Protein backbone atom coordinates (compact mmCIF):
# COMPACT_ATOMS: atom_id res chain seq x y z
CA UNK A 1 -0.55 -16.12 -2.92
CA UNK A 2 -2.79 -13.10 -3.99
CA UNK A 3 -2.06 -9.65 -2.60
CA UNK A 4 -4.48 -6.36 -2.53
CA UNK A 5 -2.87 -2.79 -1.48
CA UNK A 6 -4.08 0.80 -1.55
CA UNK A 7 -1.45 3.72 -1.73
CA UNK A 8 -2.90 6.50 -0.06
CA UNK A 9 -1.27 9.71 -1.85
CA UNK A 10 -3.12 12.87 -3.16
CA UNK A 11 -4.27 11.98 -6.26
CA UNK A 12 -0.50 12.19 -8.01
CA UNK A 13 0.85 10.30 -10.23
CA UNK A 14 3.92 9.34 -8.67
CA UNK A 15 1.64 6.82 -6.69
CA UNK A 16 0.75 5.63 -10.22
CA UNK A 17 4.77 5.21 -10.96
CA UNK A 18 4.68 3.16 -7.57
CA UNK A 19 2.29 1.11 -7.79
CA UNK A 20 3.42 -0.50 -11.46
CA UNK A 21 7.44 -0.74 -10.54
CA UNK A 22 5.28 -2.78 -7.23
CA UNK A 23 3.22 -4.90 -10.08
CA UNK A 24 6.57 -5.89 -11.57
CA UNK A 25 8.34 -6.71 -8.32
CA UNK A 26 4.89 -9.00 -7.49
CA UNK A 27 5.46 -10.30 -10.84
CA UNK A 28 8.73 -11.60 -10.08
CA UNK A 29 7.96 -13.33 -7.09
CA UNK A 30 4.99 -15.18 -9.08
CA UNK A 31 2.34 -12.44 -6.50
CA UNK A 32 -1.08 -12.27 -8.10
CA UNK A 33 -1.09 -8.33 -6.97
CA UNK A 34 -3.65 -5.98 -7.21
CA UNK A 35 -2.89 -2.10 -6.26
CA UNK A 36 -4.21 0.57 -6.79
CA UNK A 37 -3.35 4.79 -5.80
CA UNK A 38 -6.05 6.85 -4.33
CA UNK A 39 -6.83 10.40 -2.81
CA UNK A 40 -6.66 9.85 0.80
CA UNK A 41 -10.82 10.66 -0.01
CA UNK A 42 -11.22 7.52 -0.73
CA UNK A 43 -9.92 5.12 1.70
CA UNK A 44 -13.08 4.06 3.59
CA UNK A 45 -14.41 3.09 0.12
CA UNK A 46 -11.48 -0.06 -0.10
CA UNK A 47 -12.30 -1.33 3.98
CA UNK A 48 -12.91 -5.00 3.18
CA UNK A 49 -11.22 -4.43 -0.53
CA UNK A 50 -7.99 -4.87 0.42
CA UNK A 51 -4.89 -6.40 2.99
CA UNK A 52 -2.59 -3.47 2.91
CA UNK A 53 -2.83 0.51 2.81
CA UNK A 54 0.37 2.05 1.91
CA UNK A 55 0.27 5.71 3.19
CA UNK A 56 2.60 8.10 1.46
CA UNK A 57 5.14 10.22 3.31
CA UNK A 58 4.03 13.68 2.31
CA UNK A 59 0.81 12.32 4.48
CA UNK A 60 2.40 11.30 7.52
CA UNK A 61 -0.17 13.50 9.57
CA UNK A 62 -3.30 12.02 8.86
CA UNK A 63 -1.30 8.20 9.16
CA UNK A 64 -2.94 7.72 12.64
CA UNK A 65 -6.51 8.54 11.36
CA UNK A 66 -6.01 6.22 8.05
CA UNK A 67 -4.43 3.49 10.39
CA UNK A 68 -7.51 4.11 12.95
CA UNK A 69 -10.06 3.43 10.07
CA UNK A 70 -8.58 0.77 8.57
CA UNK A 71 -7.22 -1.78 11.06
CA UNK A 72 -10.00 -2.98 12.87
CA UNK A 73 -10.97 -4.45 9.52
CA UNK A 74 -7.62 -6.72 9.77
CA UNK A 75 -5.97 -4.20 7.65
CA UNK A 76 -2.49 -4.04 7.63
CA UNK A 77 -0.91 -0.37 7.09
CA UNK A 78 1.96 0.96 6.70
CA UNK A 79 3.90 4.84 6.40
CA UNK A 80 6.09 4.44 2.89
CA UNK A 81 9.47 5.95 3.65
CA UNK A 82 10.20 8.75 2.48
CA UNK A 83 13.12 7.70 0.04
CA UNK A 84 11.41 4.73 -1.26
CA UNK A 85 8.60 7.38 -2.33
CA UNK A 86 11.09 9.97 -3.78
CA UNK A 87 12.66 7.05 -5.75
CA UNK A 88 9.48 5.78 -7.10
CA UNK A 89 11.48 2.17 -5.82
CA UNK A 90 8.38 -0.18 -6.16
CA UNK A 91 10.30 -3.25 -5.57
CA UNK A 92 10.80 -1.80 -1.81
CA UNK A 93 7.40 -0.80 -1.68
CA UNK A 94 6.28 -3.93 -2.77
CA UNK A 95 8.68 -5.74 -0.13
CA UNK A 96 7.28 -3.22 2.83
CA UNK A 97 3.58 -4.53 1.63
CA UNK A 98 4.66 -8.04 1.55
CA UNK A 99 6.64 -8.07 5.08
CA UNK A 100 3.50 -6.56 6.35
CA UNK A 101 1.34 -9.48 5.24
CA UNK A 102 3.80 -12.24 5.80
CA UNK A 103 4.52 -11.25 9.18
CA UNK A 104 0.37 -10.85 10.64
CA UNK A 105 -0.01 -14.11 8.25
CA UNK A 106 -2.59 -12.09 6.08
CA UNK A 107 -3.24 -14.26 3.00
CA UNK A 108 -6.54 -13.32 0.68
C-alpha cells in the first residue's frame, strides 16, 4: 500500500517532527508513506497529489474551509487531536491517517 499525506500547519518545525515519526511507523508496517508538512496557504497545491490531509489542532478554526476544499477531490481529512500533536506522536498520527483510508477504502 502507498499513502500520501499532507500535514497542514503554520509552517513550524513541530509538524516536521510529527511527519518523521509517521514515516517510522509506516516503515514498520511496510507501507510506502509520503508525508509533507506545509502551511495552510499551500493546501490547494496538493489537491490531487495526496490521499489524506491532517490539520494541526492550532488550525481548528480553518478545518471546515480546508475540508470543503479537499473532500470534493476524494481526499480524506481529519483534525489531529491536540494530545497527539503536542506529544509529536507520529505513530498515533499515522494510525489516524491509516484509519481514514481504511474506513473510506482509499488506496493509491
